[in-house]
C-alpha atoms as a PDB file:
ATOM      1  CA  MET A   1      87.751  56.645  12.672  1.00  0.00           C
ATOM      2  CA  ASP A   2      85.255  59.505  12.750  1.00  0.00           C
ATOM      3  CA  ILE A   3      85.184  60.826  16.314  1.00  0.00           C
ATOM      4  CA  THR A   4      81.391  61.096  16.249  1.00  0.00           C
ATOM      5  CA  LEU A   5      81.091  57.437  15.205  1.00  0.00           C
ATOM      6  CA  PHE A   6      83.508  56.478  17.980  1.00  0.00           C
ATOM      7  CA  GLY A   7      81.339  58.393  20.450  1.00  0.00           C
ATOM      8  CA  GLN A   8      78.325  56.395  19.293  1.00  0.00           C
ATOM      9  CA  TYR A   9      80.150  53.138  20.024  1.00  0.00           C
ATOM     10  CA  VAL A  10      81.156  54.406  23.463  1.00  0.00           C
ATOM     11  CA  ILE A  11      77.566  55.281  24.397  1.00  0.00           C
ATOM     12  CA  ASN A  12      76.300  51.910  23.167  1.00  0.00           C
ATOM     13  CA  GLY A  13      79.012  50.128  25.145  1.00  0.00           C
ATOM     14  CA  LEU A  14      78.247  52.087  28.304  1.00  0.00           C
ATOM     15  CA  MET A  15      74.556  51.208  28.082  1.00  0.00           C
ATOM     16  CA  LEU A  16      75.328  47.503  27.813  1.00  0.00           C
ATOM     17  CA  GLY A  17      77.986  47.789  30.504  1.00  0.00           C
ATOM     18  CA  VAL A  18      75.585  49.288  33.036  1.00  0.00           C
ATOM     19  CA  MET A  19      73.072  46.475  32.530  1.00  0.00           C
ATOM     20  CA  TYR A  20      75.721  43.756  32.766  1.00  0.00           C
ATOM     21  CA  ALA A  21      77.224  45.395  35.851  1.00  0.00           C
ATOM     22  CA  LEU A  22      73.835  45.479  37.604  1.00  0.00           C
ATOM     23  CA  VAL A  23      73.336  41.765  36.946  1.00  0.00           C
ATOM     24  CA  ALA A  24      76.919  40.961  37.979  1.00  0.00           C
ATOM     25  CA  VAL A  25      76.480  42.829  41.279  1.00  0.00           C
ATOM     26  CA  GLY A  26      73.723  40.383  42.258  1.00  0.00           C
ATOM     27  CA  PHE A  27      75.900  37.351  41.538  1.00  0.00           C
ATOM     28  CA  THR A  28      78.769  38.752  43.576  1.00  0.00           C
ATOM     29  CA  LEU A  29      76.516  39.699  46.518  1.00  0.00           C
ATOM     30  CA  PHE A  30      75.075  36.182  46.691  1.00  0.00           C
ATOM     31  CA  PHE A  31      78.502  34.588  46.489  1.00  0.00           C
ATOM     32  CA  GLY A  32      79.917  37.019  49.007  1.00  0.00           C
ATOM     33  CA  VAL A  33      77.473  36.274  51.818  1.00  0.00           C
ATOM     34  CA  LEU A  34      76.769  32.585  51.212  1.00  0.00           C
ATOM     35  CA  ASP A  35      79.388  31.270  48.737  1.00  0.00           C
ATOM     36  CA  VAL A  36      76.658  30.145  46.332  1.00  0.00           C
ATOM     37  CA  ILE A  37      76.114  30.620  42.611  1.00  0.00           C
ATOM     38  CA  LYS A  38      72.424  31.371  42.000  1.00  0.00           C
ATOM     39  CA  PHE A  39      71.880  30.493  38.363  1.00  0.00           C
ATOM     40  CA  SER A  40      68.230  31.567  38.480  1.00  0.00           C
ATOM     41  CA  HIS A  41      69.380  35.196  38.800  1.00  0.00           C
ATOM     42  CA  GLY A  42      68.975  35.992  35.103  1.00  0.00           C
ATOM     43  CA  ASP A  43      65.479  34.546  35.120  1.00  0.00           C
ATOM     44  CA  LEU A  44      64.517  36.767  38.051  1.00  0.00           C
ATOM     45  CA  LEU A  45      65.456  39.636  35.739  1.00  0.00           C
ATOM     46  CA  THR A  46      62.964  38.252  33.217  1.00  0.00           C
ATOM     47  CA  VAL A  47      60.222  37.913  35.835  1.00  0.00           C
ATOM     48  CA  GLY A  48      60.975  41.458  36.977  1.00  0.00           C
ATOM     49  CA  ALA A  49      60.607  42.807  33.446  1.00  0.00           C
ATOM     50  CA  PHE A  50      57.302  40.988  32.965  1.00  0.00           C
ATOM     51  CA  THR A  51      56.104  42.180  36.382  1.00  0.00           C
ATOM     52  CA  ALA A  52      56.777  45.730  35.219  1.00  0.00           C
ATOM     53  CA  PHE A  53      54.914  45.019  31.972  1.00  0.00           C
ATOM     54  CA  ALA A  54      51.912  43.592  33.859  1.00  0.00           C
ATOM     55  CA  THR A  55      51.919  46.630  36.150  1.00  0.00           C
ATOM     56  CA  TYR A  56      51.869  48.911  33.114  1.00  0.00           C
ATOM     57  CA  LEU A  57      48.883  47.047  31.683  1.00  0.00           C
ATOM     58  CA  ALA A  58      47.072  47.395  35.028  1.00  0.00           C
ATOM     59  CA  LEU A  59      47.803  51.136  35.179  1.00  0.00           C
ATOM     60  CA  LYS A  60      46.612  51.510  31.603  1.00  0.00           C
ATOM     61  CA  ALA A  61      43.374  49.707  32.489  1.00  0.00           C
ATOM     62  CA  MET A  62      42.954  52.154  35.393  1.00  0.00           C
ATOM     63  CA  HIS A  63      43.467  55.059  32.947  1.00  0.00           C
ATOM     64  CA  VAL A  64      46.700  56.267  34.572  1.00  0.00           C
ATOM     65  CA  ALA A  65      48.135  58.284  31.692  1.00  0.00           C
ATOM     66  CA  SER A  66      51.227  59.999  33.119  1.00  0.00           C
ATOM     67  CA  PRO A  67      54.365  58.324  31.658  1.00  0.00           C
ATOM     68  CA  TRP A  68      56.510  59.380  34.616  1.00  0.00           C
ATOM     69  CA  LEU A  69      54.015  57.997  37.121  1.00  0.00           C
ATOM     70  CA  GLN A  70      53.831  54.782  35.098  1.00  0.00           C
ATOM     71  CA  LEU A  71      57.629  54.583  35.021  1.00  0.00           C
ATOM     72  CA  VAL A  72      58.004  54.985  38.778  1.00  0.00           C
ATOM     73  CA  ALA A  73      55.176  52.527  39.452  1.00  0.00           C
ATOM     74  CA  ILE A  74      56.461  49.758  37.189  1.00  0.00           C
ATOM     75  CA  SER A  75      60.016  50.140  38.504  1.00  0.00           C
ATOM     76  CA  LEU A  76      58.929  49.999  42.155  1.00  0.00           C
ATOM     77  CA  ALA A  77      56.557  47.094  41.504  1.00  0.00           C
ATOM     78  CA  ALA A  78      59.243  45.059  39.719  1.00  0.00           C
ATOM     79  CA  MET A  79      61.947  45.766  42.297  1.00  0.00           C
ATOM     80  CA  THR A  80      59.667  45.122  45.281  1.00  0.00           C
ATOM     81  CA  ALA A  81      58.266  41.882  43.847  1.00  0.00           C
ATOM     82  CA  MET A  82      61.693  40.543  42.908  1.00  0.00           C
ATOM     83  CA  GLY A  83      63.145  41.611  46.245  1.00  0.00           C
ATOM     84  CA  VAL A  84      60.482  39.556  48.029  1.00  0.00           C
ATOM     85  CA  LEU A  85      60.948  36.637  45.617  1.00  0.00           C
ATOM     86  CA  GLY A  86      64.728  36.739  46.031  1.00  0.00           C
ATOM     87  CA  ALA A  87      64.424  36.679  49.823  1.00  0.00           C
ATOM     88  CA  ALA A  88      61.930  33.788  49.605  1.00  0.00           C
ATOM     89  CA  ILE A  89      64.319  31.809  47.397  1.00  0.00           C
ATOM     90  CA  ALA A  90      67.095  32.376  49.922  1.00  0.00           C
ATOM     91  CA  LYS A  91      64.923  31.374  52.899  1.00  0.00           C
ATOM     92  CA  TYR A  92      63.163  28.313  51.508  1.00  0.00           C
ATOM     93  CA  LEU A  93      65.581  26.954  48.893  1.00  0.00           C
ATOM     94  CA  VAL A  94      69.144  28.205  49.374  1.00  0.00           C
ATOM     95  CA  LEU A  95      69.606  28.365  53.164  1.00  0.00           C
ATOM     96  CA  PRO A  96      68.210  24.839  53.771  1.00  0.00           C
ATOM     97  CA  LEU A  97      70.933  23.521  51.443  1.00  0.00           C
ATOM     98  CA  ARG A  98      73.721  25.454  53.149  1.00  0.00           C
ATOM     99  CA  THR A  99      75.333  22.288  54.546  1.00  0.00           C
ATOM    100  CA  ALA A 100      74.789  20.310  51.334  1.00  0.00           C
ATOM    101  CA  PRO A 101      77.378  20.076  48.546  1.00  0.00           C
ATOM    102  CA  ALA A 102      77.641  23.262  46.465  1.00  0.00           C
ATOM    103  CA  LEU A 103      76.582  21.294  43.392  1.00  0.00           C
ATOM    104  CA  ASN A 104      73.142  20.744  44.951  1.00  0.00           C
ATOM    105  CA  THR A 105      72.502  24.476  45.263  1.00  0.00           C
ATOM    106  CA  LEU A 106      73.798  25.101  41.772  1.00  0.00           C
ATOM    107  CA  LEU A 107      71.504  22.438  40.316  1.00  0.00           C
ATOM    108  CA  LEU A 108      68.511  23.633  42.342  1.00  0.00           C
ATOM    109  CA  THR A 109      68.857  27.235  41.190  1.00  0.00           C
ATOM    110  CA  LEU A 110      69.411  26.097  37.609  1.00  0.00           C
ATOM    111  CA  MET A 111      66.144  24.146  37.726  1.00  0.00           C
ATOM    112  CA  LEU A 112      64.393  27.062  39.432  1.00  0.00           C
ATOM    113  CA  GLY A 113      65.466  29.335  36.585  1.00  0.00           C
ATOM    114  CA  THR A 114      63.835  26.984  34.099  1.00  0.00           C
ATOM    115  CA  VAL A 115      60.639  26.922  36.184  1.00  0.00           C
ATOM    116  CA  LEU A 116      60.508  30.735  36.347  1.00  0.00           C
ATOM    117  CA  ARG A 117      61.201  31.111  32.646  1.00  0.00           C
ATOM    118  CA  GLU A 118      58.581  28.581  31.596  1.00  0.00           C
ATOM    119  CA  ALA A 119      56.065  30.029  34.071  1.00  0.00           C
ATOM    120  CA  VAL A 120      56.387  33.418  32.370  1.00  0.00           C
ATOM    121  CA  ARG A 121      55.922  31.785  28.971  1.00  0.00           C
ATOM    122  CA  LEU A 122      52.826  29.894  30.105  1.00  0.00           C
ATOM    123  CA  ILE A 123      51.137  32.543  32.254  1.00  0.00           C
ATOM    124  CA  PHE A 124      51.306  35.433  29.789  1.00  0.00           C
ATOM    125  CA  PRO A 125      49.019  35.148  26.761  1.00  0.00           C
ATOM    126  CA  ASP A 126      51.060  34.118  23.733  1.00  0.00           C
ATOM    127  CA  GLY A 127      54.050  34.137  26.066  1.00  0.00           C
ATOM    128  CA  SER A 128      56.409  32.484  23.571  1.00  0.00           C
ATOM    129  CA  ASN A 129      56.466  35.642  21.461  1.00  0.00           C
ATOM    130  CA  PRO A 130      58.184  38.941  22.364  1.00  0.00           C
ATOM    131  CA  LYS A 131      56.082  41.629  24.025  1.00  0.00           C
ATOM    132  CA  PRO A 132      56.325  45.331  23.111  1.00  0.00           C
ATOM    133  CA  PHE A 133      57.559  47.184  26.191  1.00  0.00           C
ATOM    134  CA  PRO A 134      56.027  50.655  26.629  1.00  0.00           C
ATOM    135  CA  ARG A 135      57.973  53.748  25.568  1.00  0.00           C
ATOM    136  CA  LEU A 136      57.757  55.804  28.745  1.00  0.00           C
ATOM    137  CA  LEU A 137      60.835  57.992  28.301  1.00  0.00           C
ATOM    138  CA  PRO A 138      61.254  61.042  26.043  1.00  0.00           C
ATOM    139  CA  THR A 139      62.127  60.046  22.483  1.00  0.00           C
ATOM    140  CA  ASP A 140      64.041  63.221  21.577  1.00  0.00           C
ATOM    141  CA  ALA A 141      67.422  62.686  19.895  1.00  0.00           C
ATOM    142  CA  TYR A 142      70.391  64.951  19.192  1.00  0.00           C
ATOM    143  CA  THR A 143      72.605  64.259  16.186  1.00  0.00           C
ATOM    144  CA  TRP A 144      76.172  65.348  15.464  1.00  0.00           C
ATOM    145  CA  GLY A 145      77.526  63.686  12.351  1.00  0.00           C
ATOM    146  CA  ALA A 146      77.411  59.927  12.891  1.00  0.00           C
ATOM    147  CA  PHE A 147      76.681  60.392  16.602  1.00  0.00           C
ATOM    148  CA  THR A 148      73.077  60.223  17.783  1.00  0.00           C
ATOM    149  CA  LEU A 149      72.299  60.702  21.451  1.00  0.00           C
ATOM    150  CA  ARG A 150      68.853  59.525  22.412  1.00  0.00           C
ATOM    151  CA  LEU A 151      67.477  61.273  25.460  1.00  0.00           C
ATOM    152  CA  ASP A 152      65.959  58.048  26.749  1.00  0.00           C
ATOM    153  CA  SER A 153      69.354  56.318  26.497  1.00  0.00           C
ATOM    154  CA  LEU A 154      70.987  59.134  28.461  1.00  0.00           C
ATOM    155  CA  ILE A 155      68.318  58.926  31.175  1.00  0.00           C
ATOM    156  CA  LEU A 156      68.705  55.143  31.395  1.00  0.00           C
ATOM    157  CA  LEU A 157      72.495  55.427  31.564  1.00  0.00           C
ATOM    158  CA  MET A 158      72.297  57.958  34.384  1.00  0.00           C
ATOM    159  CA  ALA A 159      69.700  55.841  36.205  1.00  0.00           C
ATOM    160  CA  GLY A 160      71.865  52.726  35.915  1.00  0.00           C
ATOM    161  CA  LEU A 161      74.950  54.549  37.191  1.00  0.00           C
ATOM    162  CA  ALA A 162      72.881  56.005  40.033  1.00  0.00           C
ATOM    163  CA  MET A 163      71.757  52.504  41.011  1.00  0.00           C
ATOM    164  CA  ILE A 164      75.387  51.326  41.059  1.00  0.00           C
ATOM    165  CA  VAL A 165      76.316  54.294  43.268  1.00  0.00           C
ATOM    166  CA  LEU A 166      73.343  53.538  45.554  1.00  0.00           C
ATOM    167  CA  VAL A 167      74.460  49.926  46.001  1.00  0.00           C
ATOM    168  CA  HIS A 168      77.982  51.181  46.733  1.00  0.00           C
ATOM    169  CA  LEU A 169      76.654  53.561  49.392  1.00  0.00           C
ATOM    170  CA  ILE A 170      74.489  50.873  50.992  1.00  0.00           C
ATOM    171  CA  ILE A 171      77.393  48.420  51.193  1.00  0.00           C
ATOM    172  CA  ASN A 172      80.007  50.914  52.384  1.00  0.00           C
ATOM    173  CA  ARG A 173      78.195  53.701  54.247  1.00  0.00           C
ATOM    174  CA  THR A 174      75.404  52.042  56.227  1.00  0.00           C
ATOM    175  CA  LYS A 175      75.129  49.712  59.221  1.00  0.00           C
ATOM    176  CA  LEU A 176      73.350  47.234  56.981  1.00  0.00           C
ATOM    177  CA  GLY A 177      76.293  47.304  54.594  1.00  0.00           C
ATOM    178  CA  LEU A 178      78.687  46.800  57.495  1.00  0.00           C
ATOM    179  CA  ALA A 179      76.710  43.729  58.554  1.00  0.00           C
ATOM    180  CA  ILE A 180      76.711  42.392  54.994  1.00  0.00           C
ATOM    181  CA  ARG A 181      80.481  42.839  54.763  1.00  0.00           C
ATOM    182  CA  ALA A 182      80.937  41.164  58.139  1.00  0.00           C
ATOM    183  CA  VAL A 183      78.890  38.138  57.072  1.00  0.00           C
ATOM    184  CA  ALA A 184      80.756  37.985  53.767  1.00  0.00           C
ATOM    185  CA  GLN A 185      84.122  38.015  55.538  1.00  0.00           C
ATOM    186  CA  ASP A 186      83.305  35.534  58.315  1.00  0.00           C
ATOM    187  CA  GLY A 187      79.728  34.473  58.957  1.00  0.00           C
ATOM    188  CA  GLU A 188      80.452  32.610  62.204  1.00  0.00           C
ATOM    189  CA  THR A 189      82.346  35.503  63.758  1.00  0.00           C
ATOM    190  CA  ALA A 190      79.575  37.881  62.655  1.00  0.00           C
ATOM    191  CA  ARG A 191      77.063  35.696  64.518  1.00  0.00           C
ATOM    192  CA  THR A 192      79.096  35.895  67.726  1.00  0.00           C
ATOM    193  CA  MET A 193      79.172  39.685  67.354  1.00  0.00           C
ATOM    194  CA  GLY A 194      75.366  39.801  67.362  1.00  0.00           C
ATOM    195  CA  VAL A 195      74.682  39.946  63.620  1.00  0.00           C
ATOM    196  CA  ASP A 196      71.477  38.164  62.580  1.00  0.00           C
ATOM    197  CA  PHE A 197      73.007  35.925  59.921  1.00  0.00           C
ATOM    198  CA  THR A 198      69.731  34.744  58.383  1.00  0.00           C
ATOM    199  CA  ALA A 199      68.246  38.241  58.185  1.00  0.00           C
ATOM    200  CA  ILE A 200      71.370  39.622  56.497  1.00  0.00           C
ATOM    201  CA  VAL A 201      71.355  36.809  53.944  1.00  0.00           C
ATOM    202  CA  LEU A 202      67.680  37.452  53.143  1.00  0.00           C
ATOM    203  CA  VAL A 203      68.236  41.200  52.801  1.00  0.00           C
ATOM    204  CA  THR A 204      71.279  40.646  50.586  1.00  0.00           C
ATOM    205  CA  PHE A 205      69.346  38.340  48.277  1.00  0.00           C
ATOM    206  CA  ALA A 206      66.512  40.880  48.210  1.00  0.00           C
ATOM    207  CA  ILE A 207      68.897  43.691  47.222  1.00  0.00           C
ATOM    208  CA  GLY A 208      70.572  41.652  44.491  1.00  0.00           C
ATOM    209  CA  SER A 209      67.232  40.514  43.073  1.00  0.00           C
ATOM    210  CA  ALA A 210      65.761  44.032  43.150  1.00  0.00           C
ATOM    211  CA  VAL A 211      68.794  45.371  41.283  1.00  0.00           C
ATOM    212  CA  ALA A 212      68.337  42.626  38.668  1.00  0.00           C
ATOM    213  CA  ALA A 213      64.683  43.652  38.273  1.00  0.00           C
ATOM    214  CA  PHE A 214      65.819  47.225  37.716  1.00  0.00           C
ATOM    215  CA  ALA A 215      68.195  45.968  35.002  1.00  0.00           C
ATOM    216  CA  GLY A 216      65.274  44.100  33.411  1.00  0.00           C
ATOM    217  CA  VAL A 217      63.166  47.273  33.316  1.00  0.00           C
ATOM    218  CA  MET A 218      66.133  49.151  31.827  1.00  0.00           C
ATOM    219  CA  ASN A 219      66.536  46.487  29.160  1.00  0.00           C
ATOM    220  CA  GLY A 220      62.846  46.684  28.255  1.00  0.00           C
ATOM    221  CA  LEU A 221      62.893  50.480  28.047  1.00  0.00           C
ATOM    222  CA  TYR A 222      66.088  50.479  25.971  1.00  0.00           C
ATOM    223  CA  TYR A 223      65.032  47.857  23.411  1.00  0.00           C
ATOM    224  CA  ASN A 224      61.254  48.435  23.760  1.00  0.00           C
ATOM    225  CA  GLU A 225      60.781  44.675  23.817  1.00  0.00           C
ATOM    226  CA  ILE A 226      60.899  41.827  26.315  1.00  0.00           C
ATOM    227  CA  ASN A 227      60.681  38.058  25.924  1.00  0.00           C
ATOM    228  CA  PHE A 228      60.590  35.064  28.248  1.00  0.00           C
ATOM    229  CA  GLY A 229      64.172  34.062  27.408  1.00  0.00           C
ATOM    230  CA  MET A 230      65.797  37.465  27.828  1.00  0.00           C
ATOM    231  CA  GLY A 231      67.357  36.546  31.159  1.00  0.00           C
ATOM    232  CA  LEU A 232      69.309  33.587  29.779  1.00  0.00           C
ATOM    233  CA  LEU A 233      72.014  35.545  27.960  1.00  0.00           C
ATOM    234  CA  LEU A 234      71.925  38.452  30.397  1.00  0.00           C
ATOM    235  CA  GLY A 235      72.468  35.976  33.222  1.00  0.00           C
ATOM    236  CA  VAL A 236      75.383  34.304  31.427  1.00  0.00           C
ATOM    237  CA  PHE A 237      76.969  37.648  30.555  1.00  0.00           C
ATOM    238  CA  GLY A 238      76.432  39.014  34.072  1.00  0.00           C
ATOM    239  CA  PHE A 239      77.911  35.890  35.653  1.00  0.00           C
ATOM    240  CA  SER A 240      80.875  36.006  33.255  1.00  0.00           C
ATOM    241  CA  ALA A 241      81.428  39.641  34.183  1.00  0.00           C
ATOM    242  CA  ALA A 242      81.291  38.834  37.900  1.00  0.00           C
ATOM    243  CA  VAL A 243      83.790  35.973  37.560  1.00  0.00           C
ATOM    244  CA  VAL A 244      86.285  37.819  35.377  1.00  0.00           C
ATOM    245  CA  GLY A 245      86.080  40.875  37.620  1.00  0.00           C
ATOM    246  CA  GLY A 246      86.557  38.827  40.781  1.00  0.00           C
ATOM    247  CA  LEU A 247      83.581  36.899  42.158  1.00  0.00           C
ATOM    248  CA  GLY A 248      82.778  38.239  45.611  1.00  0.00           C
ATOM    249  CA  ASN A 249      84.151  41.732  44.873  1.00  0.00           C
ATOM    250  CA  ILE A 250      81.464  44.261  43.964  1.00  0.00           C
ATOM    251  CA  TYR A 251      83.898  46.591  42.193  1.00  0.00           C
ATOM    252  CA  GLY A 252      85.282  43.692  40.207  1.00  0.00           C
ATOM    253  CA  ALA A 253      81.738  42.819  39.112  1.00  0.00           C
ATOM    254  CA  ILE A 254      81.157  46.375  37.903  1.00  0.00           C
ATOM    255  CA  LEU A 255      84.508  46.418  36.102  1.00  0.00           C
ATOM    256  CA  GLY A 256      83.754  43.049  34.524  1.00  0.00           C
ATOM    257  CA  GLY A 257      80.381  44.273  33.270  1.00  0.00           C
ATOM    258  CA  PHE A 258      81.879  47.259  31.470  1.00  0.00           C
ATOM    259  CA  LEU A 259      84.789  45.151  30.183  1.00  0.00           C
ATOM    260  CA  PHE A 260      82.442  42.585  28.667  1.00  0.00           C
ATOM    261  CA  ALA A 261      80.305  45.291  27.058  1.00  0.00           C
ATOM    262  CA  GLY A 262      83.433  46.951  25.668  1.00  0.00           C
ATOM    263  CA  LEU A 263      84.601  43.673  24.151  1.00  0.00           C
ATOM    264  CA  GLN A 264      81.180  43.133  22.573  1.00  0.00           C
ATOM    265  CA  THR A 265      81.300  46.618  21.070  1.00  0.00           C
ATOM    266  CA  ILE A 266      84.793  46.029  19.668  1.00  0.00           C
ATOM    267  CA  GLY A 267      83.656  42.694  18.265  1.00  0.00           C
ATOM    268  CA  ALA A 268      80.680  44.316  16.582  1.00  0.00           C
ATOM    269  CA  VAL A 269      82.579  47.107  14.822  1.00  0.00           C
ATOM    270  CA  ALA A 270      86.250  46.182  14.474  1.00  0.00           C
ATOM    271  CA  LEU A 271      86.293  42.548  13.403  1.00  0.00           C
ATOM    272  CA  PRO A 272      86.228  41.484   9.752  1.00  0.00           C
ATOM    273  CA  PHE A 273      83.433  38.968  10.252  1.00  0.00           C
ATOM    274  CA  ALA A 274      79.772  39.520  11.036  1.00  0.00           C
ATOM    275  CA  SER A 275      78.826  41.276  14.257  1.00  0.00           C
ATOM    276  CA  ALA A 276      76.759  38.212  15.150  1.00  0.00           C
ATOM    277  CA  TYR A 277      79.997  36.758  16.515  1.00  0.00           C
ATOM    278  CA  LYS A 278      80.606  39.620  18.929  1.00  0.00           C
ATOM    279  CA  ASP A 279      79.525  37.469  21.884  1.00  0.00           C
ATOM    280  CA  VAL A 280      81.915  34.702  20.847  1.00  0.00           C
ATOM    281  CA  PHE A 281      84.756  37.217  20.612  1.00  0.00           C
ATOM    282  CA  ALA A 282      83.957  38.742  24.016  1.00  0.00           C
ATOM    283  CA  LEU A 283      83.697  35.353  25.732  1.00  0.00           C
ATOM    284  CA  ALA A 284      86.924  34.161  24.099  1.00  0.00           C
ATOM    285  CA  VAL A 285      88.795  37.185  25.423  1.00  0.00           C
ATOM    286  CA  LEU A 286      87.318  36.617  28.883  1.00  0.00           C
ATOM    287  CA  ILE A 287      88.527  33.006  28.773  1.00  0.00           C
ATOM    288  CA  ALA A 288      92.024  34.307  28.078  1.00  0.00           C
ATOM    289  CA  VAL A 289      91.752  36.839  30.904  1.00  0.00           C
ATOM    290  CA  MET A 290      90.595  34.145  33.331  1.00  0.00           C
ATOM    291  CA  ALA A 291      93.507  31.911  32.310  1.00  0.00           C
ATOM    292  CA  TRP A 292      95.812  34.843  33.026  1.00  0.00           C
ATOM    293  CA  ARG A 293      94.052  35.937  36.248  1.00  0.00           C
ATOM    294  CA  PRO A 294      92.204  32.890  37.677  1.00  0.00           C
ATOM    295  CA  THR A 295      91.043  34.863  40.733  1.00  0.00           C
ATOM    296  CA  GLY A 296      89.636  37.707  38.626  1.00  0.00           C
ATOM    297  CA  LEU A 297      90.896  41.190  37.853  1.00  0.00           C
ATOM    298  CA  ILE A 298      90.143  42.330  41.413  1.00  0.00           C
ATOM    299  CA  ALA A 299      90.535  39.301  43.650  1.00  0.00           C
ATOM    300  CA  GLU A 300      88.266  38.987  46.677  1.00  0.00           C
ATOM    301  CA  LYS A 301      90.056  39.676  49.936  1.00  0.00           C
ATOM    302  CA  THR A 302      90.006  36.546  52.015  1.00  0.00           C
ATOM    303  CA  SER A 303      91.339  35.623  55.425  1.00  0.00           C
ATOM    304  CA  GLU A 304      92.285  32.147  56.499  1.00  0.00           C
ATOM    305  CA  ARG A 305      90.759  31.094  59.804  1.00  0.00           C
ATOM    306  CA  VAL A 306      92.934  28.915  62.056  1.00  0.00           C
END
């Protein structure tokens, strides 16, 4: 294979991997602190992307012309709004069901995802059709043989990796992260040590939701298009990545995201049938991996309380 063509596949895979990893991190944070699967997570990504789009339209109406200012504003607006929404979902929907069967929470968040998705479709004019997302990043490109490096893709890749590093630093290098890890390991013991359990859960849901919103903005900037159903597949892929990596382990979620993107890339370029089946190929391989490693590639560390 031409090395330049191989490099193109690697870049494409890394871009997908970063987005999947960001979504997977949210799933694993929620499961870590509360042992719940929040199936509305992908739809929060959609709402975040449309919040960014609405913010851009408002800035345009106010004649704010600087692309960099627009970019910062739409990113902050989406992340802040989804952080607040994520915390509200935790406070008013998830925490009240903490003592109920896990299936109740799963069903509730599944229904909530449908409500969010349909609300976006109904609220935005002609919401059933895709919306053109603004091109706010430089469009320069550098070509070497079959390899084309878009400057906007490079910026997005670096931004996504920076967000992953930021989450890592928050979880592992701050007092907040220490409290989150304490709640994830043993919520009752954390309470007795003075940790505000409810506050930590709300903050964790806010962080995971804000990161998903950032992934939604990245997706819109990369494809220059958003639609009301975009969070469905991204949510499924992100959840698959979190599970195969080791649900509850943030590094496993990141690994799973890049693994899934790599499998999609291989399916798109190396299989004899149409690339439309790349998702089927990637999911089939993940099924095999999960059969081999039921606890995920990096199993969550657990302690049995007696």
